[in-house]
Structures are given as C-alpha cells and as structure tokens.
PDB file of all heavy atoms in Angstrom:
ATOM      1  N   ASP A   1     -11.409 -18.664  -6.049  1.00  0.00           N
ATOM      2  CA  ASP A   1     -10.239 -18.914  -6.888  1.00  0.00           C
ATOM      3  C   ASP A   1     -10.600 -19.035  -8.360  1.00  0.00           C
ATOM      4  O   ASP A   1      -9.705 -19.118  -9.209  1.00  0.00           O
ATOM      5  CB  ASP A   1      -9.517 -20.185  -6.436  1.00  0.00           C
ATOM      6  CG  ASP A   1      -8.912 -20.059  -5.046  1.00  0.00           C
ATOM      7  OD1 ASP A   1      -8.369 -18.980  -4.728  1.00  0.00           O
ATOM      8  OD2 ASP A   1      -8.979 -21.043  -4.285  1.00  0.00           O
ATOM      9  N   THR A   2     -11.877 -19.079  -8.669  1.00  0.00           N
ATOM     10  CA  THR A   2     -12.321 -19.184 -10.055  1.00  0.00           C
ATOM     11  C   THR A   2     -11.856 -17.973 -10.854  1.00  0.00           C
ATOM     12  O   THR A   2     -12.149 -16.833 -10.498  1.00  0.00           O
ATOM     13  CB  THR A   2     -13.843 -19.301 -10.134  1.00  0.00           C
ATOM     14  OG1 THR A   2     -14.263 -20.524  -9.521  1.00  0.00           O
ATOM     15  CG2 THR A   2     -14.313 -19.296 -11.581  1.00  0.00           C
ATOM     16  N   ALA A   3     -11.117 -18.217 -11.931  1.00  0.00           N
ATOM     17  CA  ALA A   3     -10.558 -17.140 -12.743  1.00  0.00           C
ATOM     18  C   ALA A   3      -9.829 -17.741 -13.933  1.00  0.00           C
ATOM     19  O   ALA A   3      -9.615 -18.950 -14.005  1.00  0.00           O
ATOM     20  CB  ALA A   3      -9.587 -16.287 -11.921  1.00  0.00           C
ATOM     21  N   VAL A   4      -9.449 -16.873 -14.855  1.00  0.00           N
ATOM     22  CA  VAL A   4      -8.497 -17.254 -15.888  1.00  0.00           C
ATOM     23  C   VAL A   4      -7.108 -17.008 -15.333  1.00  0.00           C
ATOM     24  O   VAL A   4      -6.809 -15.903 -14.856  1.00  0.00           O
ATOM     25  CB  VAL A   4      -8.706 -16.467 -17.189  1.00  0.00           C
ATOM     26  CG1 VAL A   4      -7.646 -16.842 -18.216  1.00  0.00           C
ATOM     27  CG2 VAL A   4     -10.095 -16.722 -17.749  1.00  0.00           C
ATOM     28  N   TYR A   5      -6.270 -18.015 -15.374  1.00  0.00           N
ATOM     29  CA  TYR A   5      -4.919 -17.923 -14.843  1.00  0.00           C
ATOM     30  C   TYR A   5      -3.931 -17.726 -15.982  1.00  0.00           C
ATOM     31  O   TYR A   5      -3.920 -18.482 -16.955  1.00  0.00           O
ATOM     32  CB  TYR A   5      -4.573 -19.183 -14.039  1.00  0.00           C
ATOM     33  CG  TYR A   5      -5.228 -19.199 -12.678  1.00  0.00           C
ATOM     34  CD1 TYR A   5      -6.599 -19.406 -12.554  1.00  0.00           C
ATOM     35  CD2 TYR A   5      -4.483 -18.975 -11.522  1.00  0.00           C
ATOM     36  CE1 TYR A   5      -7.213 -19.386 -11.317  1.00  0.00           C
ATOM     37  CE2 TYR A   5      -5.092 -18.966 -10.276  1.00  0.00           C
ATOM     38  CZ  TYR A   5      -6.448 -19.166 -10.178  1.00  0.00           C
ATOM     39  OH  TYR A   5      -7.051 -19.153  -8.936  1.00  0.00           O
ATOM     40  N   TYR A   6      -3.085 -16.696 -15.841  1.00  0.00           N
ATOM     41  CA  TYR A   6      -2.150 -16.299 -16.882  1.00  0.00           C
ATOM     42  C   TYR A   6      -0.708 -16.466 -16.434  1.00  0.00           C
ATOM     43  O   TYR A   6      -0.347 -16.091 -15.322  1.00  0.00           O
ATOM     44  CB  TYR A   6      -2.352 -14.830 -17.265  1.00  0.00           C
ATOM     45  CG  TYR A   6      -3.684 -14.512 -17.884  1.00  0.00           C
ATOM     46  CD1 TYR A   6      -4.757 -14.113 -17.096  1.00  0.00           C
ATOM     47  CD2 TYR A   6      -3.873 -14.597 -19.259  1.00  0.00           C
ATOM     48  CE1 TYR A   6      -5.981 -13.801 -17.654  1.00  0.00           C
ATOM     49  CE2 TYR A   6      -5.091 -14.291 -19.829  1.00  0.00           C
ATOM     50  CZ  TYR A   6      -6.144 -13.888 -19.020  1.00  0.00           C
ATOM     51  OH  TYR A   6      -7.354 -13.576 -19.580  1.00  0.00           O
ATOM     52  N   CYS A   7       0.099 -16.984 -17.310  1.00  0.00           N
ATOM     53  CA  CYS A   7       1.530 -17.083 -17.100  1.00  0.00           C
ATOM     54  C   CYS A   7       2.199 -15.784 -17.541  1.00  0.00           C
ATOM     55  O   CYS A   7       1.830 -15.191 -18.559  1.00  0.00           O
ATOM     56  CB  CYS A   7       2.070 -18.268 -17.902  1.00  0.00           C
ATOM     57  SG  CYS A   7       3.821 -18.614 -17.702  1.00  0.00           S
ATOM     58  N   HIS A   8       3.195 -15.333 -16.778  1.00  0.00           N
ATOM     59  CA  HIS A   8       3.853 -14.056 -17.017  1.00  0.00           C
ATOM     60  C   HIS A   8       5.353 -14.205 -16.839  1.00  0.00           C
ATOM     61  O   HIS A   8       5.814 -14.798 -15.869  1.00  0.00           O
ATOM     62  CB  HIS A   8       3.294 -13.022 -16.033  1.00  0.00           C
ATOM     63  CG  HIS A   8       3.925 -11.672 -16.099  1.00  0.00           C
ATOM     64  ND1 HIS A   8       5.050 -11.348 -15.376  1.00  0.00           N
ATOM     65  CD2 HIS A   8       3.573 -10.551 -16.781  1.00  0.00           C
ATOM     66  CE1 HIS A   8       5.371 -10.084 -15.610  1.00  0.00           C
ATOM     67  NE2 HIS A   8       4.493  -9.582 -16.452  1.00  0.00           N
ATOM     68  N   ALA A   9       6.112 -13.654 -17.786  1.00  0.00           N
ATOM     69  CA  ALA A   9       7.572 -13.689 -17.731  1.00  0.00           C
ATOM     70  C   ALA A   9       8.121 -12.276 -17.802  1.00  0.00           C
ATOM     71  O   ALA A   9       7.655 -11.460 -18.599  1.00  0.00           O
ATOM     72  CB  ALA A   9       8.134 -14.524 -18.882  1.00  0.00           C
ATOM     73  N   SER A  10       9.119 -11.972 -16.970  1.00  0.00           N
ATOM     74  CA  SER A  10       9.671 -10.623 -16.912  1.00  0.00           C
ATOM     75  C   SER A  10      11.176 -10.657 -16.717  1.00  0.00           C
ATOM     76  O   SER A  10      11.688 -11.355 -15.840  1.00  0.00           O
ATOM     77  CB  SER A  10       9.020  -9.849 -15.763  1.00  0.00           C
ATOM     78  OG  SER A  10       9.570  -8.551 -15.639  1.00  0.00           O
ATOM     79  N   PHE A  11      11.888  -9.879 -17.536  1.00  0.00           N
ATOM     80  CA  PHE A  11      13.326  -9.685 -17.398  1.00  0.00           C
ATOM     81  C   PHE A  11      13.671  -8.320 -17.964  1.00  0.00           C
ATOM     82  O   PHE A  11      13.528  -8.084 -19.162  1.00  0.00           O
ATOM     83  CB  PHE A  11      14.108 -10.782 -18.122  1.00  0.00           C
ATOM     84  CG  PHE A  11      15.596 -10.631 -18.008  1.00  0.00           C
ATOM     85  CD1 PHE A  11      16.232 -10.799 -16.790  1.00  0.00           C
ATOM     86  CD2 PHE A  11      16.364 -10.327 -19.118  1.00  0.00           C
ATOM     87  CE1 PHE A  11      17.608 -10.659 -16.675  1.00  0.00           C
ATOM     88  CE2 PHE A  11      17.735 -10.189 -19.017  1.00  0.00           C
ATOM     89  CZ  PHE A  11      18.360 -10.354 -17.791  1.00  0.00           C
ATOM     90  N   ASN A  12      14.108  -7.423 -17.084  1.00  0.00           N
ATOM     91  CA  ASN A  12      14.353  -6.029 -17.462  1.00  0.00           C
ATOM     92  C   ASN A  12      13.102  -5.453 -18.143  1.00  0.00           C
ATOM     93  O   ASN A  12      12.039  -5.448 -17.538  1.00  0.00           O
ATOM     94  CB  ASN A  12      15.596  -5.925 -18.334  1.00  0.00           C
ATOM     95  CG  ASN A  12      16.861  -6.295 -17.580  1.00  0.00           C
ATOM     96  OD1 ASN A  12      16.934  -6.176 -16.357  1.00  0.00           O
ATOM     97  ND2 ASN A  12      17.867  -6.745 -18.310  1.00  0.00           N
ATOM     98  N   ASP A  13      13.217  -5.002 -19.379  1.00  0.00           N
ATOM     99  CA  ASP A  13      12.076  -4.412 -20.070  1.00  0.00           C
ATOM    100  C   ASP A  13      11.290  -5.417 -20.902  1.00  0.00           C
ATOM    101  O   ASP A  13      10.322  -5.051 -21.571  1.00  0.00           O
ATOM    102  CB  ASP A  13      12.527  -3.272 -20.981  1.00  0.00           C
ATOM    103  CG  ASP A  13      12.996  -2.055 -20.216  1.00  0.00           C
ATOM    104  OD1 ASP A  13      12.576  -1.869 -19.059  1.00  0.00           O
ATOM    105  OD2 ASP A  13      13.788  -1.279 -20.779  1.00  0.00           O
ATOM    106  N   ASN A  14      11.671  -6.669 -20.862  1.00  0.00           N
ATOM    107  CA  ASN A  14      10.980  -7.704 -21.627  1.00  0.00           C
ATOM    108  C   ASN A  14       9.882  -8.336 -20.787  1.00  0.00           C
ATOM    109  O   ASN A  14      10.143  -8.852 -19.698  1.00  0.00           O
ATOM    110  CB  ASN A  14      11.956  -8.771 -22.106  1.00  0.00           C
ATOM    111  CG  ASN A  14      12.977  -8.232 -23.079  1.00  0.00           C
ATOM    112  OD1 ASN A  14      12.669  -7.386 -23.912  1.00  0.00           O
ATOM    113  ND2 ASN A  14      14.203  -8.713 -22.988  1.00  0.00           N
ATOM    114  N   VAL A  15       8.667  -8.295 -21.286  1.00  0.00           N
ATOM    115  CA  VAL A  15       7.511  -8.858 -20.608  1.00  0.00           C
ATOM    116  C   VAL A  15       6.707  -9.695 -21.590  1.00  0.00           C
ATOM    117  O   VAL A  15       6.386  -9.236 -22.680  1.00  0.00           O
ATOM    118  CB  VAL A  15       6.610  -7.767 -20.003  1.00  0.00           C
ATOM    119  CG1 VAL A  15       5.365  -8.379 -19.386  1.00  0.00           C
ATOM    120  CG2 VAL A  15       7.374  -6.964 -18.969  1.00  0.00           C
ATOM    121  N   TYR A  16       6.360 -10.914 -21.177  1.00  0.00           N
ATOM    122  CA  TYR A  16       5.575 -11.800 -22.023  1.00  0.00           C
ATOM    123  C   TYR A  16       4.409 -12.366 -21.226  1.00  0.00           C
ATOM    124  O   TYR A  16       4.525 -12.618 -20.025  1.00  0.00           O
ATOM    125  CB  TYR A  16       6.423 -12.949 -22.567  1.00  0.00           C
ATOM    126  CG  TYR A  16       7.667 -12.513 -23.290  1.00  0.00           C
ATOM    127  CD1 TYR A  16       8.922 -12.888 -22.836  1.00  0.00           C
ATOM    128  CD2 TYR A  16       7.585 -11.723 -24.432  1.00  0.00           C
ATOM    129  CE1 TYR A  16      10.072 -12.487 -23.503  1.00  0.00           C
ATOM    130  CE2 TYR A  16       8.727 -11.311 -25.097  1.00  0.00           C
ATOM    131  CZ  TYR A  16       9.968 -11.698 -24.631  1.00  0.00           C
ATOM    132  OH  TYR A  16      11.107 -11.300 -25.297  1.00  0.00           O
ATOM    133  N   TRP A  17       3.295 -12.582 -21.928  1.00  0.00           N
ATOM    134  CA  TRP A  17       2.085 -13.147 -21.336  1.00  0.00           C
ATOM    135  C   TRP A  17       1.639 -14.389 -22.082  1.00  0.00           C
ATOM    136  O   TRP A  17       1.768 -14.470 -23.302  1.00  0.00           O
ATOM    137  CB  TRP A  17       0.936 -12.134 -21.380  1.00  0.00           C
ATOM    138  CG  TRP A  17       1.069 -10.970 -20.455  1.00  0.00           C
ATOM    139  CD1 TRP A  17       1.598  -9.753 -20.737  1.00  0.00           C
ATOM    140  CD2 TRP A  17       0.624 -10.907 -19.095  1.00  0.00           C
ATOM    141  NE1 TRP A  17       1.518  -8.932 -19.637  1.00  0.00           N
ATOM    142  CE2 TRP A  17       0.930  -9.606 -18.618  1.00  0.00           C
ATOM    143  CE3 TRP A  17       0.005 -11.817 -18.241  1.00  0.00           C
ATOM    144  CZ2 TRP A  17       0.632  -9.196 -17.323  1.00  0.00           C
ATOM    145  CZ3 TRP A  17      -0.290 -11.413 -16.945  1.00  0.00           C
ATOM    146  CH2 TRP A  17       0.021 -10.118 -16.507  1.00  0.00           C
ATOM    147  N   GLY A  18       1.081 -15.329 -21.346  1.00  0.00           N
ATOM    148  CA  GLY A  18       0.430 -16.465 -21.960  1.00  0.00           C
ATOM    149  C   GLY A  18      -1.009 -16.141 -22.305  1.00  0.00           C
ATOM    150  O   GLY A  18      -1.508 -15.044 -22.032  1.00  0.00           O
ATOM    151  N   GLN A  19      -1.692 -17.101 -22.906  1.00  0.00           N
ATOM    152  CA  GLN A  19      -3.069 -16.890 -23.354  1.00  0.00           C
ATOM    153  C   GLN A  19      -4.092 -17.116 -22.251  1.00  0.00           C
ATOM    154  O   GLN A  19      -5.245 -16.718 -22.381  1.00  0.00           O
ATOM    155  CB  GLN A  19      -3.373 -17.809 -24.544  1.00  0.00           C
ATOM    156  CG  GLN A  19      -3.804 -19.233 -24.190  1.00  0.00           C
ATOM    157  CD  GLN A  19      -2.691 -20.097 -23.621  1.00  0.00           C
ATOM    158  OE1 GLN A  19      -1.509 -19.758 -23.693  1.00  0.00           O
ATOM    159  NE2 GLN A  19      -3.068 -21.238 -23.046  1.00  0.00           N
ATOM    160  N   GLY A  20      -3.686 -17.754 -21.182  1.00  0.00           N
ATOM    161  CA  GLY A  20      -4.558 -18.001 -20.055  1.00  0.00           C
ATOM    162  C   GLY A  20      -5.209 -19.372 -20.099  1.00  0.00           C
ATOM    163  O   GLY A  20      -5.435 -19.941 -21.161  1.00  0.00           O
ATOM    164  N   THR A  21      -5.507 -19.898 -18.924  1.00  0.00           N
ATOM    165  CA  THR A  21      -6.241 -21.149 -18.798  1.00  0.00           C
ATOM    166  C   THR A  21      -7.312 -20.989 -17.722  1.00  0.00           C
ATOM    167  O   THR A  21      -7.065 -20.412 -16.665  1.00  0.00           O
ATOM    168  CB  THR A  21      -5.294 -22.330 -18.474  1.00  0.00           C
ATOM    169  OG1 THR A  21      -6.035 -23.556 -18.487  1.00  0.00           O
ATOM    170  CG2 THR A  21      -4.617 -22.165 -17.122  1.00  0.00           C
ATOM    171  N   GLN A  22      -8.510 -21.467 -18.014  1.00  0.00           N
ATOM    172  CA  GLN A  22      -9.653 -21.282 -17.122  1.00  0.00           C
ATOM    173  C   GLN A  22      -9.619 -22.288 -15.981  1.00  0.00           C
ATOM    174  O   GLN A  22      -9.489 -23.498 -16.205  1.00  0.00           O
ATOM    175  CB  GLN A  22     -10.962 -21.431 -17.901  1.00  0.00           C
ATOM    176  CG  GLN A  22     -12.220 -21.325 -17.040  1.00  0.00           C
ATOM    177  CD  GLN A  22     -12.476 -19.933 -16.546  1.00  0.00           C
ATOM    178  OE1 GLN A  22     -12.445 -18.978 -17.322  1.00  0.00           O
ATOM    179  NE2 GLN A  22     -12.737 -19.795 -15.242  1.00  0.00           N
ATOM    180  N   VAL A  23      -9.745 -21.783 -14.764  1.00  0.00           N
ATOM    181  CA  VAL A  23      -9.907 -22.612 -13.578  1.00  0.00           C
ATOM    182  C   VAL A  23     -11.257 -22.269 -12.958  1.00  0.00           C
ATOM    183  O   VAL A  23     -11.505 -21.122 -12.601  1.00  0.00           O
ATOM    184  CB  VAL A  23      -8.783 -22.392 -12.555  1.00  0.00           C
ATOM    185  CG1 VAL A  23      -9.076 -23.144 -11.262  1.00  0.00           C
ATOM    186  CG2 VAL A  23      -7.444 -22.825 -13.140  1.00  0.00           C
ATOM    187  N   THR A  24     -12.116 -23.265 -12.848  1.00  0.00           N
ATOM    188  CA  THR A  24     -13.444 -23.070 -12.278  1.00  0.00           C
ATOM    189  C   THR A  24     -13.611 -23.964 -11.062  1.00  0.00           C
ATOM    190  O   THR A  24     -13.471 -25.188 -11.157  1.00  0.00           O
ATOM    191  CB  THR A  24     -14.540 -23.384 -13.306  1.00  0.00           C
ATOM    192  OG1 THR A  24     -14.371 -22.555 -14.458  1.00  0.00           O
ATOM    193  CG2 THR A  24     -15.911 -23.140 -12.711  1.00  0.00           C
ATOM    194  N   VAL A  25     -13.902 -23.351  -9.928  1.00  0.00           N
ATOM    195  CA  VAL A  25     -14.139 -24.078  -8.683  1.00  0.00           C
ATOM    196  C   VAL A  25     -15.637 -24.044  -8.412  1.00  0.00           C
ATOM    197  O   VAL A  25     -16.214 -22.977  -8.189  1.00  0.00           O
ATOM    198  CB  VAL A  25     -13.363 -23.476  -7.511  1.00  0.00           C
ATOM    199  CG1 VAL A  25     -13.562 -24.325  -6.257  1.00  0.00           C
ATOM    200  CG2 VAL A  25     -11.882 -23.364  -7.851  1.00  0.00           C
TER     201      VAL A  25
END
C-alpha cells in the first residue's frame, strides 16, 4: 500500500488533482 495518494475530482470535462500525500507502510 506504500505510495503517494492523490485526491481526484471529476465532473463532465472538469478534472482536478491534489498534490498528493505520502503513505509509507
């Protein structure tokens, strides 16, 4: 599960991304 986790928003043609947060197991 170790990875950078990114938030994503989508509505029709609008797409947004977050900067990510590191999760290390």
